C-alpha atoms as a PDB file:
ATOM      1  CA  MET A   1      19.996 -15.966  26.055  1.00  0.00           C
ATOM      2  CA  ARG A   2      18.386 -18.070  22.569  1.00  0.00           C
ATOM      3  CA  PRO A   3      19.195 -15.939  19.251  1.00  0.00           C
ATOM      4  CA  ARG A   4      15.706 -14.325  17.987  1.00  0.00           C
ATOM      5  CA  ILE A   5      15.445 -16.017  14.538  1.00  0.00           C
ATOM      6  CA  GLY A   6      12.805 -14.534  12.361  1.00  0.00           C
ATOM      7  CA  VAL A   7      10.514 -17.313  10.566  1.00  0.00           C
ATOM      8  CA  THR A   8       8.960 -15.816   6.785  1.00  0.00           C
ATOM      9  CA  ALA A   9       5.178 -16.581   7.165  1.00  0.00           C
ATOM     10  CA  TRP A  10       2.872 -17.110   3.882  1.00  0.00           C
ATOM     11  CA  HIS A  11      -0.760 -15.987   2.733  1.00  0.00           C
ATOM     12  CA  ARG A  12      -3.099 -18.697   3.784  1.00  0.00           C
ATOM     13  CA  PRO A  13      -7.103 -17.892   2.392  1.00  0.00           C
ATOM     14  CA  ASP A  14      -9.605 -17.895   5.426  1.00  0.00           C
ATOM     15  CA  SER A  15     -12.167 -20.682   5.180  1.00  0.00           C
ATOM     16  CA  ASP A  16     -14.923 -18.023   3.448  1.00  0.00           C
ATOM     17  CA  GLY A  17     -12.223 -16.511   1.349  1.00  0.00           C
ATOM     18  CA  LEU A  18     -12.787 -13.206   2.649  1.00  0.00           C
ATOM     19  CA  GLU A  19     -10.031 -12.744   4.735  1.00  0.00           C
ATOM     20  CA  ARG A  20      -6.079 -14.698   5.014  1.00  0.00           C
ATOM     21  CA  TRP A  21      -4.006 -15.482   7.526  1.00  0.00           C
ATOM     22  CA  GLU A  22       0.053 -15.437   7.782  1.00  0.00           C
ATOM     23  CA  ALA A  23       0.453 -18.110   8.840  1.00  0.00           C
ATOM     24  CA  ILE A  24       4.097 -21.037   9.612  1.00  0.00           C
ATOM     25  CA  ARG A  25       3.835 -24.441   9.643  1.00  0.00           C
ATOM     26  CA  ASN A  26       5.181 -25.363  13.417  1.00  0.00           C
ATOM     27  CA  ASN A  27       8.579 -27.848  11.673  1.00  0.00           C
ATOM     28  CA  TYR A  28       9.961 -24.870  11.490  1.00  0.00           C
ATOM     29  CA  THR A  29       9.262 -23.238  14.309  1.00  0.00           C
ATOM     30  CA  GLY A  30       9.466 -26.443  16.124  1.00  0.00           C
ATOM     31  CA  ALA A  31      13.295 -27.223  14.573  1.00  0.00           C
ATOM     32  CA  VAL A  32      14.595 -23.332  15.338  1.00  0.00           C
ATOM     33  CA  ARG A  33      13.743 -24.086  19.400  1.00  0.00           C
ATOM     34  CA  THR A  34      15.264 -27.643  19.043  1.00  0.00           C
ATOM     35  CA  ALA A  35      18.227 -26.146  17.746  1.00  0.00           C
ATOM     36  CA  GLY A  36      18.508 -23.511  20.677  1.00  0.00           C
ATOM     37  CA  GLY A  37      16.597 -20.126  18.992  1.00  0.00           C
ATOM     38  CA  LEU A  38      13.483 -18.203  19.820  1.00  0.00           C
ATOM     39  CA  PRO A  39      11.277 -18.524  16.244  1.00  0.00           C
ATOM     40  CA  LEU A  40       9.837 -15.389  15.432  1.00  0.00           C
ATOM     41  CA  ILE A  41       6.737 -15.485  12.952  1.00  0.00           C
ATOM     42  CA  LEU A  42       7.187 -12.053  10.416  1.00  0.00           C
ATOM     43  CA  PRO A  43       4.167 -11.274   9.072  1.00  0.00           C
ATOM     44  CA  ILE A  44       4.023 -10.047   5.371  1.00  0.00           C
ATOM     45  CA  GLY A  45       4.988  -6.999   5.635  1.00  0.00           C
ATOM     46  CA  GLY A  46       6.560  -3.775   2.717  1.00  0.00           C
ATOM     47  CA  ALA A  47       9.396  -3.543   0.993  1.00  0.00           C
ATOM     48  CA  GLU A  48      10.550   0.274   2.421  1.00  0.00           C
ATOM     49  CA  PRO A  49      14.052   0.365   4.104  1.00  0.00           C
ATOM     50  CA  ASP A  50      13.140   2.011   7.494  1.00  0.00           C
ATOM     51  CA  GLU A  51      10.735  -1.641   7.546  1.00  0.00           C
ATOM     52  CA  ILE A  52      13.120  -4.036   6.385  1.00  0.00           C
ATOM     53  CA  GLY A  53      15.457  -2.816   8.392  1.00  0.00           C
ATOM     54  CA  ALA A  54      13.201  -2.918  11.650  1.00  0.00           C
ATOM     55  CA  VAL A  55      12.566  -6.102  10.739  1.00  0.00           C
ATOM     56  CA  LEU A  56      16.316  -7.015  10.526  1.00  0.00           C
ATOM     57  CA  ASP A  57      17.426  -5.014  13.691  1.00  0.00           C
ATOM     58  CA  ALA A  58      14.592  -7.427  15.737  1.00  0.00           C
ATOM     59  CA  VAL A  59      16.146 -10.424  15.080  1.00  0.00           C
ATOM     60  CA  ASP A  60      19.532 -12.262  14.767  1.00  0.00           C
ATOM     61  CA  GLY A  61      19.088 -14.122  12.095  1.00  0.00           C
ATOM     62  CA  LEU A  62      16.673 -15.312   9.235  1.00  0.00           C
ATOM     63  CA  LEU A  63      15.345 -18.614   8.074  1.00  0.00           C
ATOM     64  CA  PHE A  64      13.223 -18.062   4.389  1.00  0.00           C
ATOM     65  CA  SER A  65      10.805 -20.520   4.613  1.00  0.00           C
ATOM     66  CA  GLY A  66       8.695 -22.844   2.012  1.00  0.00           C
ATOM     67  CA  GLY A  67       5.918 -21.438   0.073  1.00  0.00           C
ATOM     68  CA  GLU A  68       4.789 -20.735  -3.801  1.00  0.00           C
ATOM     69  CA  ASP A  69       6.466 -19.898  -6.602  1.00  0.00           C
ATOM     70  CA  VAL A  70       8.383 -17.010  -7.409  1.00  0.00           C
ATOM     71  CA  SER A  71       7.802 -14.189 -10.296  1.00  0.00           C
ATOM     72  CA  PRO A  72       9.486 -14.945 -13.066  1.00  0.00           C
ATOM     73  CA  THR A  73       9.422 -10.871 -13.365  1.00  0.00           C
ATOM     74  CA  TYR A  74      11.912 -10.468 -10.482  1.00  0.00           C
ATOM     75  CA  TYR A  75      14.749 -12.891 -12.774  1.00  0.00           C
ATOM     76  CA  GLY A  76      13.387 -10.727 -16.255  1.00  0.00           C
ATOM     77  CA  GLU A  77      10.967 -13.334 -17.293  1.00  0.00           C
ATOM     78  CA  GLN A  78       7.640 -13.743 -18.903  1.00  0.00           C
ATOM     79  CA  ARG A  79       5.851 -16.378 -16.767  1.00  0.00           C
ATOM     80  CA  ASP A  80       5.501 -19.302 -18.002  1.00  0.00           C
ATOM     81  CA  GLU A  81       1.614 -21.519 -18.186  1.00  0.00           C
ATOM     82  CA  ARG A  82       3.595 -23.867 -15.486  1.00  0.00           C
ATOM     83  CA  CYS A  83       4.418 -21.170 -13.269  1.00  0.00           C
ATOM     84  CA  GLU A  84       2.430 -21.449 -10.426  1.00  0.00           C
ATOM     85  CA  ASP A  85       0.263 -18.128  -8.931  1.00  0.00           C
ATOM     86  CA  PRO A  86       2.477 -16.194  -6.993  1.00  0.00           C
ATOM     87  CA  ASP A  87       1.838 -14.436  -4.152  1.00  0.00           C
ATOM     88  CA  PRO A  88       2.739 -10.299  -5.010  1.00  0.00           C
ATOM     89  CA  ASP A  89       3.011  -9.271  -1.644  1.00  0.00           C
ATOM     90  CA  ARG A  90       5.189 -12.095  -0.301  1.00  0.00           C
ATOM     91  CA  ASP A  91       7.474 -11.623  -3.465  1.00  0.00           C
ATOM     92  CA  LEU A  92       8.050  -8.296  -2.743  1.00  0.00           C
ATOM     93  CA  PHE A  93       8.942  -8.255   1.077  1.00  0.00           C
ATOM     94  CA  GLU A  94      10.869 -11.244   1.176  1.00  0.00           C
ATOM     95  CA  ILE A  95      13.231 -10.304  -2.149  1.00  0.00           C
ATOM     96  CA  ALA A  96      14.043  -6.582  -0.133  1.00  0.00           C
ATOM     97  CA  LEU A  97      14.186  -8.446   3.127  1.00  0.00           C
ATOM     98  CA  ALA A  98      16.670 -11.416   1.047  1.00  0.00           C
ATOM     99  CA  ARG A  99      18.464  -8.317  -0.434  1.00  0.00           C
ATOM    100  CA  ALA A 100      18.933  -6.297   3.183  1.00  0.00           C
ATOM    101  CA  ALA A 101      19.890  -8.730   4.617  1.00  0.00           C
ATOM    102  CA  LEU A 102      22.786 -10.359   2.243  1.00  0.00           C
ATOM    103  CA  ALA A 103      23.884  -6.611   2.722  1.00  0.00           C
ATOM    104  CA  ARG A 104      23.966  -6.358   6.146  1.00  0.00           C
ATOM    105  CA  ARG A 105      25.551  -9.623   6.637  1.00  0.00           C
ATOM    106  CA  THR A 106      22.642 -10.680   8.604  1.00  0.00           C
ATOM    107  CA  PRO A 107      22.931 -14.636   8.844  1.00  0.00           C
ATOM    108  CA  ALA A 108      20.070 -15.814   6.858  1.00  0.00           C
ATOM    109  CA  PHE A 109      19.051 -19.604   5.466  1.00  0.00           C
ATOM    110  CA  GLY A 110      16.572 -20.722   2.860  1.00  0.00           C
ATOM    111  CA  ILE A 111      14.769 -23.772   2.962  1.00  0.00           C
ATOM    112  CA  CYS A 112      12.712 -24.687  -0.719  1.00  0.00           C
ATOM    113  CA  ARG A 113      11.549 -21.415  -2.202  1.00  0.00           C
ATOM    114  CA  GLY A 114      14.122 -19.612   0.549  1.00  0.00           C
ATOM    115  CA  LEU A 115      16.408 -21.096  -1.367  1.00  0.00           C
ATOM    116  CA  GLN A 116      15.141 -19.623  -4.773  1.00  0.00           C
ATOM    117  CA  VAL A 117      14.244 -16.545  -2.971  1.00  0.00           C
ATOM    118  CA  ILE A 118      18.123 -16.130  -1.931  1.00  0.00           C
ATOM    119  CA  ASN A 119      19.289 -16.615  -5.478  1.00  0.00           C
ATOM    120  CA  VAL A 120      16.748 -14.606  -7.362  1.00  0.00           C
ATOM    121  CA  ALA A 121      17.477 -11.833  -4.551  1.00  0.00           C
ATOM    122  CA  ALA A 122      21.203 -11.618  -5.319  1.00  0.00           C
ATOM    123  CA  GLY A 123      20.357 -12.177  -9.119  1.00  0.00           C
ATOM    124  CA  GLY A 124      19.812 -15.288  -9.961  1.00  0.00           C
ATOM    125  CA  THR A 125      17.233 -16.974 -11.774  1.00  0.00           C
ATOM    126  CA  LEU A 126      14.725 -20.176 -12.008  1.00  0.00           C
ATOM    127  CA  TYR A 127      13.703 -23.024 -14.433  1.00  0.00           C
ATOM    128  CA  GLN A 128      10.125 -22.527 -13.787  1.00  0.00           C
ATOM    129  CA  ASP A 129       8.993 -25.940 -14.125  1.00  0.00           C
ATOM    130  CA  LEU A 130      11.337 -29.281 -13.624  1.00  0.00           C
ATOM    131  CA  THR A 131      10.038 -30.019 -17.385  1.00  0.00           C
ATOM    132  CA  CYS A 132      11.671 -27.189 -18.363  1.00  0.00           C
ATOM    133  CA  ARG A 133      15.063 -28.816 -18.017  1.00  0.00           C
ATOM    134  CA  PRO A 134      15.761 -32.148 -20.432  1.00  0.00           C
ATOM    135  CA  GLY A 135      16.586 -35.378 -17.962  1.00  0.00           C
ATOM    136  CA  THR A 136      14.797 -33.622 -14.235  1.00  0.00           C
ATOM    137  CA  LEU A 137      13.117 -35.911 -12.925  1.00  0.00           C
ATOM    138  CA  ALA A 138       9.560 -35.479 -11.755  1.00  0.00           C
ATOM    139  CA  HIS A 139       9.286 -37.123  -8.503  1.00  0.00           C
ATOM    140  CA  HIS A 140      11.157 -33.926  -6.965  1.00  0.00           C
ATOM    141  CA  ALA A 141       7.471 -32.514  -7.420  1.00  0.00           C
ATOM    142  CA  ALA A 142       6.116 -35.407  -4.009  1.00  0.00           C
ATOM    143  CA  LYS A 143       2.789 -34.501  -2.910  1.00  0.00           C
ATOM    144  CA  GLY A 144       0.614 -35.603  -0.282  1.00  0.00           C
ATOM    145  CA  ALA A 145       1.715 -38.226   2.401  1.00  0.00           C
ATOM    146  CA  ASP A 146       5.320 -38.160  -0.021  1.00  0.00           C
ATOM    147  CA  ARG A 147       6.247 -34.673   1.216  1.00  0.00           C
ATOM    148  CA  ARG A 148       6.524 -36.657   4.431  1.00  0.00           C
ATOM    149  CA  ARG A 149       9.258 -39.157   2.885  1.00  0.00           C
ATOM    150  CA  THR A 150      12.791 -39.336   1.553  1.00  0.00           C
ATOM    151  CA  ILE A 151      12.391 -39.628  -2.186  1.00  0.00           C
ATOM    152  CA  HIS A 152      15.841 -39.081  -3.757  1.00  0.00           C
ATOM    153  CA  THR A 153      19.698 -38.537  -2.730  1.00  0.00           C
ATOM    154  CA  ILE A 154      21.618 -35.215  -2.679  1.00  0.00           C
ATOM    155  CA  ARG A 155      25.116 -35.553  -3.085  1.00  0.00           C
ATOM    156  CA  VAL A 156      26.960 -32.863  -0.677  1.00  0.00           C
ATOM    157  CA  LEU A 157      29.915 -30.999  -2.140  1.00  0.00           C
ATOM    158  CA  PRO A 158      33.910 -31.143  -0.587  1.00  0.00           C
ATOM    159  CA  GLY A 159      35.025 -27.943   0.521  1.00  0.00           C
ATOM    160  CA  SER A 160      31.608 -26.098   1.565  1.00  0.00           C
ATOM    161  CA  LYS A 161      30.472 -24.662   4.251  1.00  0.00           C
ATOM    162  CA  LEU A 162      27.399 -27.377   4.013  1.00  0.00           C
ATOM    163  CA  ARG A 163      29.999 -30.190   4.010  1.00  0.00           C
ATOM    164  CA  THR A 164      31.026 -29.276   7.191  1.00  0.00           C
ATOM    165  CA  ILE A 165      27.657 -28.268   8.737  1.00  0.00           C
ATOM    166  CA  MET A 166      25.987 -31.622   7.837  1.00  0.00           C
ATOM    167  CA  GLY A 167      28.996 -33.970   8.081  1.00  0.00           C
ATOM    168  CA  VAL A 168      28.534 -35.934   5.738  1.00  0.00           C
ATOM    169  CA  ASP A 169      29.392 -36.703   1.671  1.00  0.00           C
ATOM    170  CA  GLN A 170      25.219 -37.455   1.030  1.00  0.00           C
ATOM    171  CA  GLY A 171      21.655 -38.863   2.419  1.00  0.00           C
ATOM    172  CA  PRO A 172      18.517 -38.959   1.343  1.00  0.00           C
ATOM    173  CA  VAL A 173      15.921 -36.026   1.444  1.00  0.00           C
ATOM    174  CA  THR A 174      12.383 -34.601   1.563  1.00  0.00           C
ATOM    175  CA  SER A 175      11.199 -33.021  -2.074  1.00  0.00           C
ATOM    176  CA  THR A 176       8.761 -30.838  -2.972  1.00  0.00           C
ATOM    177  CA  HIS A 177       9.406 -28.601  -5.389  1.00  0.00           C
ATOM    178  CA  HIS A 178       9.068 -28.359  -9.288  1.00  0.00           C
ATOM    179  CA  GLN A 179      11.150 -25.431  -9.650  1.00  0.00           C
ATOM    180  CA  PHE A 180      15.258 -24.904  -9.316  1.00  0.00           C
ATOM    181  CA  VAL A 181      17.988 -23.102  -9.719  1.00  0.00           C
ATOM    182  CA  LYS A 182      18.848 -22.656 -13.565  1.00  0.00           C
ATOM    183  CA  ASP A 183      21.451 -19.251 -13.244  1.00  0.00           C
ATOM    184  CA  LEU A 184      23.270 -19.271  -9.750  1.00  0.00           C
ATOM    185  CA  ALA A 185      23.324 -15.821  -8.097  1.00  0.00           C
ATOM    186  CA  SER A 186      26.922 -14.149  -8.242  1.00  0.00           C
ATOM    187  CA  GLY A 187      28.484 -14.711  -5.506  1.00  0.00           C
ATOM    188  CA  PHE A 188      27.219 -17.864  -4.395  1.00  0.00           C
ATOM    189  CA  ARG A 189      28.458 -21.951  -5.602  1.00  0.00           C
ATOM    190  CA  VAL A 190      26.389 -24.835  -5.202  1.00  0.00           C
ATOM    191  CA  SER A 191      27.076 -27.012  -2.105  1.00  0.00           C
ATOM    192  CA  ALA A 192      25.438 -30.022  -3.619  1.00  0.00           C
ATOM    193  CA  GLU A 193      23.057 -31.521  -6.388  1.00  0.00           C
ATOM    194  CA  SER A 194      20.621 -34.177  -6.752  1.00  0.00           C
ATOM    195  CA  VAL A 195      22.591 -37.901  -7.542  1.00  0.00           C
ATOM    196  CA  GLU A 196      20.407 -38.767  -9.542  1.00  0.00           C
ATOM    197  CA  ASP A 197      19.252 -36.035 -12.097  1.00  0.00           C
ATOM    198  CA  GLY A 198      22.189 -32.983 -11.050  1.00  0.00           C
ATOM    199  CA  ILE A 199      19.984 -30.436 -10.380  1.00  0.00           C
ATOM    200  CA  VAL A 200      20.902 -27.949  -7.570  1.00  0.00           C
ATOM    201  CA  GLU A 201      20.075 -29.248  -3.956  1.00  0.00           C
ATOM    202  CA  GLY A 202      22.046 -26.289  -2.039  1.00  0.00           C
ATOM    203  CA  ILE A 203      23.651 -22.959  -2.432  1.00  0.00           C
ATOM    204  CA  GLU A 204      25.789 -20.853  -0.475  1.00  0.00           C
ATOM    205  CA  CYS A 205      27.966 -17.921  -0.038  1.00  0.00           C
ATOM    206  CA  PRO A 206      31.577 -18.153   0.755  1.00  0.00           C
ATOM    207  CA  ASP A 207      31.844 -14.491   1.227  1.00  0.00           C
ATOM    208  CA  LEU A 208      29.142 -14.291   3.396  1.00  0.00           C
ATOM    209  CA  PRO A 209      29.719 -15.352   7.527  1.00  0.00           C
ATOM    210  CA  TYR A 210      26.492 -17.325   6.993  1.00  0.00           C
ATOM    211  CA  ALA A 211      24.291 -17.584   4.144  1.00  0.00           C
ATOM    212  CA  VAL A 212      23.497 -20.969   3.292  1.00  0.00           C
ATOM    213  CA  ALA A 213      19.912 -22.778   1.646  1.00  0.00           C
ATOM    214  CA  VAL A 214      18.793 -26.135   0.700  1.00  0.00           C
ATOM    215  CA  GLN A 215      16.197 -27.094  -1.643  1.00  0.00           C
ATOM    216  CA  TRP A 216      14.659 -29.886   0.805  1.00  0.00           C
ATOM    217  CA  HIS A 217      13.238 -29.734   3.635  1.00  0.00           C
ATOM    218  CA  PRO A 218      14.849 -30.270   6.755  1.00  0.00           C
ATOM    219  CA  GLU A 219      12.421 -28.918   8.874  1.00  0.00           C
ATOM    220  CA  ARG A 220      10.682 -32.465   8.529  1.00  0.00           C
ATOM    221  CA  LEU A 221      13.747 -34.600   9.062  1.00  0.00           C
ATOM    222  CA  TYR A 222      15.562 -32.699  11.826  1.00  0.00           C
ATOM    223  CA  GLY A 223      13.459 -35.356  13.993  1.00  0.00           C
ATOM    224  CA  GLU A 224      15.200 -38.230  12.887  1.00  0.00           C
ATOM    225  CA  TYR A 225      18.258 -37.429  11.239  1.00  0.00           C
ATOM    226  CA  PRO A 226      20.945 -35.470  12.876  1.00  0.00           C
ATOM    227  CA  GLU A 227      22.696 -34.153   9.969  1.00  0.00           C
ATOM    228  CA  HIS A 228      19.518 -31.920   9.252  1.00  0.00           C
ATOM    229  CA  LEU A 229      18.880 -31.104  13.206  1.00  0.00           C
ATOM    230  CA  ALA A 230      22.628 -29.794  12.786  1.00  0.00           C
ATOM    231  CA  LEU A 231      21.459 -27.026   9.613  1.00  0.00           C
ATOM    232  CA  PHE A 232      19.257 -24.828  11.682  1.00  0.00           C
ATOM    233  CA  LYS A 233      22.250 -25.480  14.951  1.00  0.00           C
ATOM    234  CA  SER A 234      24.596 -24.037  12.359  1.00  0.00           C
ATOM    235  CA  LEU A 235      21.637 -20.972  12.143  1.00  0.00           C
ATOM    236  CA  ILE A 236      21.836 -20.432  15.729  1.00  0.00           C
ATOM    237  CA  LYS A 237      25.521 -20.992  15.990  1.00  0.00           C
ATOM    238  CA  ALA A 238      25.872 -17.816  13.452  1.00  0.00           C
ATOM    239  CA  ALA A 239      22.938 -16.013  15.287  1.00  0.00           C
ATOM    240  CA  GLN A 240      25.110 -15.914  18.520  1.00  0.00           C
ATOM    241  CA  CYS A 241      27.547 -14.614  16.829  1.00  0.00           C
ATOM    242  CA  ALA A 242      26.474 -12.083  15.069  1.00  0.00           C
ATOM    243  CA  THR A 243      24.406 -10.480  18.250  1.00  0.00           C
ATOM    244  CA  PRO A 244      26.799  -8.042  20.049  1.00  0.00           C
END
């Protein structure tokens, strides 16, 4: 049986602006399906313990997808003018879901915003924009068609779970973000960094069975690069091991 992987969705306004979609790009669900899992798109809900518990009961693992900026109120900062408008409903749901998943030891994989959500949920902080850290290169925030091409190189750190999963010490990645890890959450360690400017590109919690997150977008690369498909396969394997 394919393990059930809950994939977080994001809001998109309807064409007339009167209603919103809860949606996800099909490269996320395609990567999960290709890796052997059953993707289940999670609607954006509330933070009540019974609802969060019911979501976790319904899945074997979680994929926290990309999207909007996380509100800096969750890590005790005022919003900088360079921080884009957060989605309060999504932040509320995903922060609560990530905290509960970590506490329950549910396998969790974060991509881009998903890495930021996991780090903040566990007590870490973020740079609200690339320009907040001197020496950070602007190419991380690729837009348009550049979102699908490799932008820069990451170094996967020795001894990390990420190195074991991917089987490479470095490689090219996509990049579509302007926020990134500032203070790492307690219990987590850096597993990858940008070769060019040293920003955090991967984090993991060694004390949990599977809590892995990356700042790039492997869902755009899994069809061409086996090391990126390996990330989704590792989530599926962890979910299978966690299933009673």
